Amino acid sequence: MKLRLSGQSIRFRLLRSEVEQLIEKGRVQESLFLGPEDSDTLSYALETDAQAADMTMRHSNGKIAVLLPSKLAKNWADTEQVGLYATMNMEGNRSLDLIVEKDFACLDLSDADNEDTFPNPLVGTTG
């Protein structure tokens, strides 16, 4: 699972197996170790929630989790839909863009580098 932080946005890109895990188990998580102590960790996760009405995010003590309504996540996983997009309004007149996308194969990488990615829809098109 790839995580990209840019400005006021959080973007997750998931491989096929990670999308399957999200739907089957309700959660996919990774951790980034930033130092020698367990507390020196940034953990990030996607979770499905049958009670959630909208995409939202929670954070605490070096942990970030984006919550997806279960039906929305299942529909996304089962279709050609590329991503899920939402803007979360926060106090102080701020907002945060939440982006969850399927990770497509790069056109300039070898098959080994593209293992477990989704087929790129641009394959076979002319530029």
Foldseek 3Di string as FASTA:
>chain_A
DDWDDDDQEIEAADFLVQLVCCLPVFKDKDKDQQDDDPLRIAMEMEGEDCPDPAWDWDDDSNYIYIYHHNVVSVVCSVDPNFWDWDWAADPPRDIHIYIYGFFEADPPDDPVVRPRGHHDPCPPPDD
